[in-house]
Structures are given as structure tokens and as C-alpha cells.
Amino acid sequence: MSLNMLIETEGRNYTPAEYSAWLEEAGFRDIETVWFEAPGANGAVIGRKP
């Protein structure tokens, strides 16, 4: 998917640290990255809003 975004949309994938920073700026807390153990899957960044 990263290659498709780069070629077709000039976009890119973002790092868990970038997502975490955006969530923190938006007021989310207890931010964590959960990695998936499945072919072709990476993970999810999860935060909770108080």
C-alpha cells in the first residue's frame, strides 16, 4: 500500500510516533501501538479521550 500511495497520490504511510503525536495533540491519553500478527497487517495506534 505504501508504494501505491507514493506512486498514485504522492502520499505516504505515517509512523506510529506521528499518529501518537497527533492523538496527543487532540487530547487523547493512554496511547499505545498494538501490532498484529497476520500476513500483510501492521497494527493500530489506539488512544483514549478522557
PDB file of N, CA and C in Angstrom:
ATOM      1  N   MET A   1       0.827  -1.188   0.000  1.00  0.00           N
ATOM      2  CA  MET A   1       0.000   0.000   0.000  1.00  0.00           C
ATOM      3  C   MET A   1       0.873   1.254   0.000  1.00  0.00           C
ATOM      4  N   SER A   2       2.003   1.221   0.667  1.00  0.00           N
ATOM      5  CA  SER A   2       2.900   2.383   0.675  1.00  0.00           C
ATOM      6  C   SER A   2       3.330   2.753  -0.728  1.00  0.00           C
ATOM      7  N   LEU A   3       3.684   1.748  -1.511  1.00  0.00           N
ATOM      8  CA  LEU A   3       4.118   2.002  -2.880  1.00  0.00           C
ATOM      9  C   LEU A   3       2.981   2.605  -3.695  1.00  0.00           C
ATOM     10  N   ASN A   4       1.775   2.081  -3.544  1.00  0.00           N
ATOM     11  CA  ASN A   4       0.618   2.625  -4.254  1.00  0.00           C
ATOM     12  C   ASN A   4       0.387   4.085  -3.877  1.00  0.00           C
ATOM     13  N   MET A   5       0.455   4.408  -2.600  1.00  0.00           N
ATOM     14  CA  MET A   5       0.240   5.785  -2.166  1.00  0.00           C
ATOM     15  C   MET A   5       1.315   6.705  -2.724  1.00  0.00           C
ATOM     16  N   LEU A   6       2.535   6.245  -2.754  1.00  0.00           N
ATOM     17  CA  LEU A   6       3.632   7.059  -3.255  1.00  0.00           C
ATOM     18  C   LEU A   6       3.477   7.342  -4.743  1.00  0.00           C
ATOM     19  N   ILE A   7       3.125   6.327  -5.506  1.00  0.00           N
ATOM     20  CA  ILE A   7       3.021   6.472  -6.961  1.00  0.00           C
ATOM     21  C   ILE A   7       1.737   7.185  -7.376  1.00  0.00           C
ATOM     22  N   GLU A   8       0.623   6.790  -6.810  1.00  0.00           N
ATOM     23  CA  GLU A   8      -0.676   7.288  -7.256  1.00  0.00           C
ATOM     24  C   GLU A   8      -1.107   8.604  -6.608  1.00  0.00           C
ATOM     25  N   THR A   9      -0.737   8.849  -5.374  1.00  0.00           N
ATOM     26  CA  THR A   9      -1.283  10.012  -4.668  1.00  0.00           C
ATOM     27  C   THR A   9      -0.228  10.952  -4.122  1.00  0.00           C
ATOM     28  N   GLU A  10       1.035  10.642  -4.304  1.00  0.00           N
ATOM     29  CA  GLU A  10       2.134  11.418  -3.715  1.00  0.00           C
ATOM     30  C   GLU A  10       2.068  11.410  -2.191  1.00  0.00           C
ATOM     31  N   GLY A  11       1.324  10.471  -1.633  1.00  0.00           N
ATOM     32  CA  GLY A  11       1.209  10.353  -0.184  1.00  0.00           C
ATOM     33  C   GLY A  11       2.221   9.365   0.365  1.00  0.00           C
ATOM     34  N   ARG A  12       2.080   9.038   1.618  1.00  0.00           N
ATOM     35  CA  ARG A  12       2.964   8.076   2.263  1.00  0.00           C
ATOM     36  C   ARG A  12       2.275   7.503   3.480  1.00  0.00           C
ATOM     37  N   ASN A  13       2.830   6.447   4.016  1.00  0.00           N
ATOM     38  CA  ASN A  13       2.352   5.913   5.291  1.00  0.00           C
ATOM     39  C   ASN A  13       3.001   6.707   6.408  1.00  0.00           C
ATOM     40  N   TYR A  14       2.323   6.799   7.514  1.00  0.00           N
ATOM     41  CA  TYR A  14       2.842   7.531   8.662  1.00  0.00           C
ATOM     42  C   TYR A  14       3.304   6.554   9.733  1.00  0.00           C
ATOM     43  N   THR A  15       4.256   6.989  10.540  1.00  0.00           N
ATOM     44  CA  THR A  15       4.795   6.138  11.595  1.00  0.00           C
ATOM     45  C   THR A  15       3.864   6.138  12.808  1.00  0.00           C
ATOM     46  N   PRO A  16       3.974   5.106  13.642  1.00  0.00           N
ATOM     47  CA  PRO A  16       3.191   5.113  14.883  1.00  0.00           C
ATOM     48  C   PRO A  16       3.491   6.348  15.744  1.00  0.00           C
ATOM     49  N   ALA A  17       4.728   6.823  15.720  1.00  0.00           N
ATOM     50  CA  ALA A  17       5.083   8.015  16.500  1.00  0.00           C
ATOM     51  C   ALA A  17       4.335   9.252  15.991  1.00  0.00           C
ATOM     52  N   GLU A  18       4.189   9.365  14.668  1.00  0.00           N
ATOM     53  CA  GLU A  18       3.453  10.504  14.109  1.00  0.00           C
ATOM     54  C   GLU A  18       1.983  10.443  14.508  1.00  0.00           C
ATOM     55  N   TYR A  19       1.368   9.257  14.383  1.00  0.00           N
ATOM     56  CA  TYR A  19      -0.027   9.112  14.796  1.00  0.00           C
ATOM     57  C   TYR A  19      -0.177   9.410  16.286  1.00  0.00           C
ATOM     58  N   SER A  20       0.747   8.928  17.096  1.00  0.00           N
ATOM     59  CA  SER A  20       0.682   9.149  18.543  1.00  0.00           C
ATOM     60  C   SER A  20       0.750  10.635  18.871  1.00  0.00           C
ATOM     61  N   ALA A  21       1.620  11.370  18.196  1.00  0.00           N
ATOM     62  CA  ALA A  21       1.741  12.812  18.433  1.00  0.00           C
ATOM     63  C   ALA A  21       0.448  13.533  18.072  1.00  0.00           C
ATOM     64  N   TRP A  22      -0.173  13.156  16.962  1.00  0.00           N
ATOM     65  CA  TRP A  22      -1.433  13.791  16.564  1.00  0.00           C
ATOM     66  C   TRP A  22      -2.532  13.482  17.560  1.00  0.00           C
ATOM     67  N   LEU A  23      -2.590  12.238  18.035  1.00  0.00           N
ATOM     68  CA  LEU A  23      -3.599  11.878  19.028  1.00  0.00           C
ATOM     69  C   LEU A  23      -3.400  12.659  20.322  1.00  0.00           C
ATOM     70  N   GLU A  24      -2.145  12.792  20.739  1.00  0.00           N
ATOM     71  CA  GLU A  24      -1.855  13.533  21.969  1.00  0.00           C
ATOM     72  C   GLU A  24      -2.266  14.996  21.819  1.00  0.00           C
ATOM     73  N   GLU A  25      -1.968  15.600  20.672  1.00  0.00           N
ATOM     74  CA  GLU A  25      -2.371  16.989  20.415  1.00  0.00           C
ATOM     75  C   GLU A  25      -3.882  17.153  20.469  1.00  0.00           C
ATOM     76  N   ALA A  26      -4.616  16.125  20.074  1.00  0.00           N
ATOM     77  CA  ALA A  26      -6.074  16.170  20.066  1.00  0.00           C
ATOM     78  C   ALA A  26      -6.681  15.831  21.426  1.00  0.00           C
ATOM     79  N   GLY A  27      -5.840  15.598  22.434  1.00  0.00           N
ATOM     80  CA  GLY A  27      -6.333  15.354  23.778  1.00  0.00           C
ATOM     81  C   GLY A  27      -6.486  13.902  24.171  1.00  0.00           C
ATOM     82  N   PHE A  28      -6.003  12.985  23.358  1.00  0.00           N
ATOM     83  CA  PHE A  28      -6.085  11.568  23.700  1.00  0.00           C
ATOM     84  C   PHE A  28      -4.983  11.196  24.682  1.00  0.00           C
ATOM     85  N   ARG A  29      -5.255  10.215  25.521  1.00  0.00           N
ATOM     86  CA  ARG A  29      -4.288   9.735  26.511  1.00  0.00           C
ATOM     87  C   ARG A  29      -4.177   8.219  26.413  1.00  0.00           C
ATOM     88  N   ASP A  30      -3.254   7.643  27.155  1.00  0.00           N
ATOM     89  CA  ASP A  30      -3.030   6.185  27.162  1.00  0.00           C
ATOM     90  C   ASP A  30      -2.843   5.663  25.735  1.00  0.00           C
ATOM     91  N   ILE A  31      -2.014   6.343  24.978  1.00  0.00           N
ATOM     92  CA  ILE A  31      -1.801   5.995  23.579  1.00  0.00           C
ATOM     93  C   ILE A  31      -0.843   4.815  23.499  1.00  0.00           C
ATOM     94  N   GLU A  32      -1.214   3.823  22.696  1.00  0.00           N
ATOM     95  CA  GLU A  32      -0.359   2.651  22.534  1.00  0.00           C
ATOM     96  C   GLU A  32      -0.446   2.140  21.098  1.00  0.00           C
ATOM     97  N   THR A  33       0.588   1.437  20.681  1.00  0.00           N
ATOM     98  CA  THR A  33       0.598   0.792  19.376  1.00  0.00           C
ATOM     99  C   THR A  33       0.432  -0.703  19.596  1.00  0.00           C
ATOM    100  N   VAL A  34      -0.545  -1.274  18.921  1.00  0.00           N
ATOM    101  CA  VAL A  34      -0.817  -2.712  19.002  1.00  0.00           C
ATOM    102  C   VAL A  34      -0.432  -3.317  17.664  1.00  0.00           C
ATOM    103  N   TRP A  35       0.506  -4.243  17.677  1.00  0.00           N
ATOM    104  CA  TRP A  35       0.980  -4.873  16.442  1.00  0.00           C
ATOM    105  C   TRP A  35       0.196  -6.143  16.175  1.00  0.00           C
ATOM    106  N   PHE A  36      -0.208  -6.348  14.920  1.00  0.00           N
ATOM    107  CA  PHE A  36      -0.967  -7.531  14.529  1.00  0.00           C
ATOM    108  C   PHE A  36      -0.026  -8.614  14.040  1.00  0.00           C
ATOM    109  N   GLU A  37      -0.368  -9.842  14.330  1.00  0.00           N
ATOM    110  CA  GLU A  37       0.414 -10.981  13.855  1.00  0.00           C
ATOM    111  C   GLU A  37      -0.355 -11.669  12.739  1.00  0.00           C
ATOM    112  N   ALA A  38      -0.459 -10.992  11.599  1.00  0.00           N
ATOM    113  CA  ALA A  38      -1.164 -11.545  10.455  1.00  0.00           C
ATOM    114  C   ALA A  38      -0.434 -11.112   9.180  1.00  0.00           C
ATOM    115  N   PRO A  39      -0.443 -11.928   8.156  1.00  0.00           N
ATOM    116  CA  PRO A  39       0.225 -11.559   6.907  1.00  0.00           C
ATOM    117  C   PRO A  39      -0.344 -10.269   6.323  1.00  0.00           C
ATOM    118  N   GLY A  40       0.523  -9.342   6.007  1.00  0.00           N
ATOM    119  CA  GLY A  40       0.110  -8.094   5.384  1.00  0.00           C
ATOM    120  C   GLY A  40      -0.478  -7.061   6.335  1.00  0.00           C
ATOM    121  N   ALA A  41      -0.552  -7.372   7.620  1.00  0.00           N
ATOM    122  CA  ALA A  41      -1.117  -6.430   8.594  1.00  0.00           C
ATOM    123  C   ALA A  41       0.001  -5.852   9.438  1.00  0.00           C
ATOM    124  N   ASN A  42      -0.119  -4.581   9.785  1.00  0.00           N
ATOM    125  CA  ASN A  42       0.896  -3.935  10.609  1.00  0.00           C
ATOM    126  C   ASN A  42       0.430  -3.784  12.051  1.00  0.00           C
ATOM    127  N   GLY A  43      -0.552  -2.961  12.273  1.00  0.00           N
ATOM    128  CA  GLY A  43      -1.022  -2.734  13.618  1.00  0.00           C
ATOM    129  C   GLY A  43      -1.943  -1.537  13.675  1.00  0.00           C
ATOM    130  N   ALA A  44      -2.198  -1.058  14.900  1.00  0.00           N
ATOM    131  CA  ALA A  44      -3.081   0.078  15.107  1.00  0.00           C
ATOM    132  C   ALA A  44      -2.539   0.914  16.254  1.00  0.00           C
ATOM    133  N   VAL A  45      -2.748   2.217  16.161  1.00  0.00           N
ATOM    134  CA  VAL A  45      -2.419   3.126  17.248  1.00  0.00           C
ATOM    135  C   VAL A  45      -3.738   3.470  17.923  1.00  0.00           C
ATOM    136  N   ILE A  46      -3.802   3.232  19.222  1.00  0.00           N
ATOM    137  CA  ILE A  46      -5.036   3.386  19.976  1.00  0.00           C
ATOM    138  C   ILE A  46      -4.829   4.407  21.088  1.00  0.00           C
ATOM    139  N   GLY A  47      -5.789   5.282  21.256  1.00  0.00           N
ATOM    140  CA  GLY A  47      -5.762   6.256  22.338  1.00  0.00           C
ATOM    141  C   GLY A  47      -7.144   6.400  22.945  1.00  0.00           C
ATOM    142  N   ARG A  48      -7.188   6.916  24.154  1.00  0.00           N
ATOM    143  CA  ARG A  48      -8.464   7.117  24.841  1.00  0.00           C
ATOM    144  C   ARG A  48      -8.619   8.602  25.151  1.00  0.00           C
ATOM    145  N   LYS A  49      -9.811   9.106  24.911  1.00  0.00           N
ATOM    146  CA  LYS A  49     -10.070  10.505  25.187  1.00  0.00           C
ATOM    147  C   LYS A  49     -10.818  10.616  26.509  1.00  0.00           C
ATOM    148  N   PRO A  50     -10.237  11.330  27.469  1.00  0.00           N
ATOM    149  CA  PRO A  50     -10.893  11.444  28.788  1.00  0.00           C
ATOM    150  C   PRO A  50     -12.186  12.248  28.714  1.00  0.00           C
TER     151      PRO A  50
END
